[in-house]
Amino acid sequence: YCVIPYLPGDVIKIALASLLTIQLDKRMPKI
């Protein structure tokens, strides 16, 4: 399959951001 090459740093940032948002959504009720 074809993947646009990303910088590893960008992948890590995206992964961390998504994980953080998921954790916050689980902990906090949406305002």
PDB file of N, CA and C in Angstrom:
ATOM      1  N   TYR A   1       0.824  -1.190   0.000  1.00  0.00           N
ATOM      2  CA  TYR A   1       0.000   0.000   0.000  1.00  0.00           C
ATOM      3  C   TYR A   1       0.861   1.244   0.000  1.00  0.00           C
ATOM      4  N   CYS A   2       0.270   2.324  -0.430  1.00  0.00           N
ATOM      5  CA  CYS A   2       1.016   3.579  -0.636  1.00  0.00           C
ATOM      6  C   CYS A   2       0.825   4.493   0.570  1.00  0.00           C
ATOM      7  N   VAL A   3       1.918   4.936   1.116  1.00  0.00           N
ATOM      8  CA  VAL A   3       1.828   5.861   2.250  1.00  0.00           C
ATOM      9  C   VAL A   3       2.714   7.058   1.957  1.00  0.00           C
ATOM     10  N   ILE A   4       2.187   8.235   2.207  1.00  0.00           N
ATOM     11  CA  ILE A   4       3.007   9.439   2.045  1.00  0.00           C
ATOM     12  C   ILE A   4       4.030   9.447   3.169  1.00  0.00           C
ATOM     13  N   PRO A   5       5.310   9.554   2.857  1.00  0.00           N
ATOM     14  CA  PRO A   5       6.325   9.529   3.912  1.00  0.00           C
ATOM     15  C   PRO A   5       6.198  10.739   4.841  1.00  0.00           C
ATOM     16  N   TYR A   6       6.024  10.458   6.112  1.00  0.00           N
ATOM     17  CA  TYR A   6       5.987  11.523   7.112  1.00  0.00           C
ATOM     18  C   TYR A   6       7.249  11.465   7.942  1.00  0.00           C
ATOM     19  N   LEU A   7       7.580  12.565   8.572  1.00  0.00           N
ATOM     20  CA  LEU A   7       8.698  12.554   9.508  1.00  0.00           C
ATOM     21  C   LEU A   7       8.267  11.797  10.755  1.00  0.00           C
ATOM     22  N   PRO A   8       9.155  10.984  11.342  1.00  0.00           N
ATOM     23  CA  PRO A   8       8.806  10.240  12.552  1.00  0.00           C
ATOM     24  C   PRO A   8       8.292  11.169  13.651  1.00  0.00           C
ATOM     25  N   GLY A   9       8.880  12.342  13.754  1.00  0.00           N
ATOM     26  CA  GLY A   9       8.441  13.301  14.768  1.00  0.00           C
ATOM     27  C   GLY A   9       6.969  13.650  14.590  1.00  0.00           C
ATOM     28  N   ASP A  10       6.567  13.855  13.333  1.00  0.00           N
ATOM     29  CA  ASP A  10       5.169  14.198  13.070  1.00  0.00           C
ATOM     30  C   ASP A  10       4.255  13.049  13.473  1.00  0.00           C
ATOM     31  N   VAL A  11       4.675  11.829  13.147  1.00  0.00           N
ATOM     32  CA  VAL A  11       3.855  10.665  13.508  1.00  0.00           C
ATOM     33  C   VAL A  11       3.704  10.584  15.019  1.00  0.00           C
ATOM     34  N   ILE A  12       4.808  10.794  15.730  1.00  0.00           N
ATOM     35  CA  ILE A  12       4.763  10.729  17.198  1.00  0.00           C
ATOM     36  C   ILE A  12       3.852  11.824  17.739  1.00  0.00           C
ATOM     37  N   LYS A  13       3.974  13.038  17.180  1.00  0.00           N
ATOM     38  CA  LYS A  13       3.127  14.149  17.644  1.00  0.00           C
ATOM     39  C   LYS A  13       1.659  13.816  17.436  1.00  0.00           C
ATOM     40  N   ILE A  14       1.330  13.300  16.251  1.00  0.00           N
ATOM     41  CA  ILE A  14      -0.067  12.972  15.947  1.00  0.00           C
ATOM     42  C   ILE A  14      -0.571  11.888  16.893  1.00  0.00           C
ATOM     43  N   ALA A  15       0.256  10.864  17.106  1.00  0.00           N
ATOM     44  CA  ALA A  15      -0.151   9.763  17.983  1.00  0.00           C
ATOM     45  C   ALA A  15      -0.376  10.274  19.403  1.00  0.00           C
ATOM     46  N   LEU A  16       0.562  11.078  19.892  1.00  0.00           N
ATOM     47  CA  LEU A  16       0.430  11.601  21.256  1.00  0.00           C
ATOM     48  C   LEU A  16      -0.802  12.488  21.369  1.00  0.00           C
ATOM     49  N   ALA A  17      -1.025  13.338  20.376  1.00  0.00           N
ATOM     50  CA  ALA A  17      -2.179  14.234  20.418  1.00  0.00           C
ATOM     51  C   ALA A  17      -3.476  13.431  20.447  1.00  0.00           C
ATOM     52  N   SER A  18      -3.565  12.402  19.600  1.00  0.00           N
ATOM     53  CA  SER A  18      -4.791  11.599  19.571  1.00  0.00           C
ATOM     54  C   SER A  18      -4.974  10.868  20.895  1.00  0.00           C
ATOM     55  N   LEU A  19      -3.889  10.327  21.450  1.00  0.00           N
ATOM     56  CA  LEU A  19      -3.991   9.635  22.735  1.00  0.00           C
ATOM     57  C   LEU A  19      -4.444  10.602  23.822  1.00  0.00           C
ATOM     58  N   LEU A  20      -3.871  11.795  23.843  1.00  0.00           N
ATOM     59  CA  LEU A  20      -4.234  12.769  24.875  1.00  0.00           C
ATOM     60  C   LEU A  20      -5.702  13.145  24.752  1.00  0.00           C
ATOM     61  N   THR A  21      -6.172  13.386  23.535  1.00  0.00           N
ATOM     62  CA  THR A  21      -7.572  13.778  23.370  1.00  0.00           C
ATOM     63  C   THR A  21      -8.487  12.641  23.800  1.00  0.00           C
ATOM     64  N   ILE A  22      -8.112  11.403  23.476  1.00  0.00           N
ATOM     65  CA  ILE A  22      -8.935  10.255  23.877  1.00  0.00           C
ATOM     66  C   ILE A  22      -8.993  10.168  25.401  1.00  0.00           C
ATOM     67  N   GLN A  23      -7.840  10.324  26.052  1.00  0.00           N
ATOM     68  CA  GLN A  23      -7.804  10.231  27.516  1.00  0.00           C
ATOM     69  C   GLN A  23      -8.648  11.342  28.137  1.00  0.00           C
ATOM     70  N   LEU A  24      -8.527  12.557  27.597  1.00  0.00           N
ATOM     71  CA  LEU A  24      -9.300  13.670  28.146  1.00  0.00           C
ATOM     72  C   LEU A  24     -10.793  13.418  27.945  1.00  0.00           C
ATOM     73  N   ASP A  25     -11.162  12.892  26.780  1.00  0.00           N
ATOM     74  CA  ASP A  25     -12.574  12.606  26.528  1.00  0.00           C
ATOM     75  C   ASP A  25     -13.091  11.576  27.522  1.00  0.00           C
ATOM     76  N   LYS A  26     -12.261  10.593  27.857  1.00  0.00           N
ATOM     77  CA  LYS A  26     -12.704   9.571  28.807  1.00  0.00           C
ATOM     78  C   LYS A  26     -12.867  10.165  30.194  1.00  0.00           C
ATOM     79  N   ARG A  27     -11.924  11.021  30.589  1.00  0.00           N
ATOM     80  CA  ARG A  27     -11.951  11.552  31.956  1.00  0.00           C
ATOM     81  C   ARG A  27     -13.008  12.627  32.126  1.00  0.00           C
ATOM     82  N   MET A  28     -13.008  13.591  31.200  1.00  0.00           N
ATOM     83  CA  MET A  28     -13.878  14.755  31.384  1.00  0.00           C
ATOM     84  C   MET A  28     -15.140  14.624  30.549  1.00  0.00           C
ATOM     85  N   PRO A  29     -16.281  14.975  31.119  1.00  0.00           N
ATOM     86  CA  PRO A  29     -17.498  15.064  30.307  1.00  0.00           C
ATOM     87  C   PRO A  29     -17.368  16.235  29.350  1.00  0.00           C
ATOM     88  N   LYS A  30     -17.939  16.091  28.165  1.00  0.00           N
ATOM     89  CA  LYS A  30     -17.824  17.180  27.185  1.00  0.00           C
ATOM     90  C   LYS A  30     -18.653  18.365  27.647  1.00  0.00           C
ATOM     91  N   ILE A  31     -18.053  19.538  27.580  1.00  0.00           N
ATOM     92  CA  ILE A  31     -18.750  20.744  28.042  1.00  0.00           C
ATOM     93  C   ILE A  31     -19.638  21.260  26.911  1.00  0.00           C
TER      94      ILE A  31
END
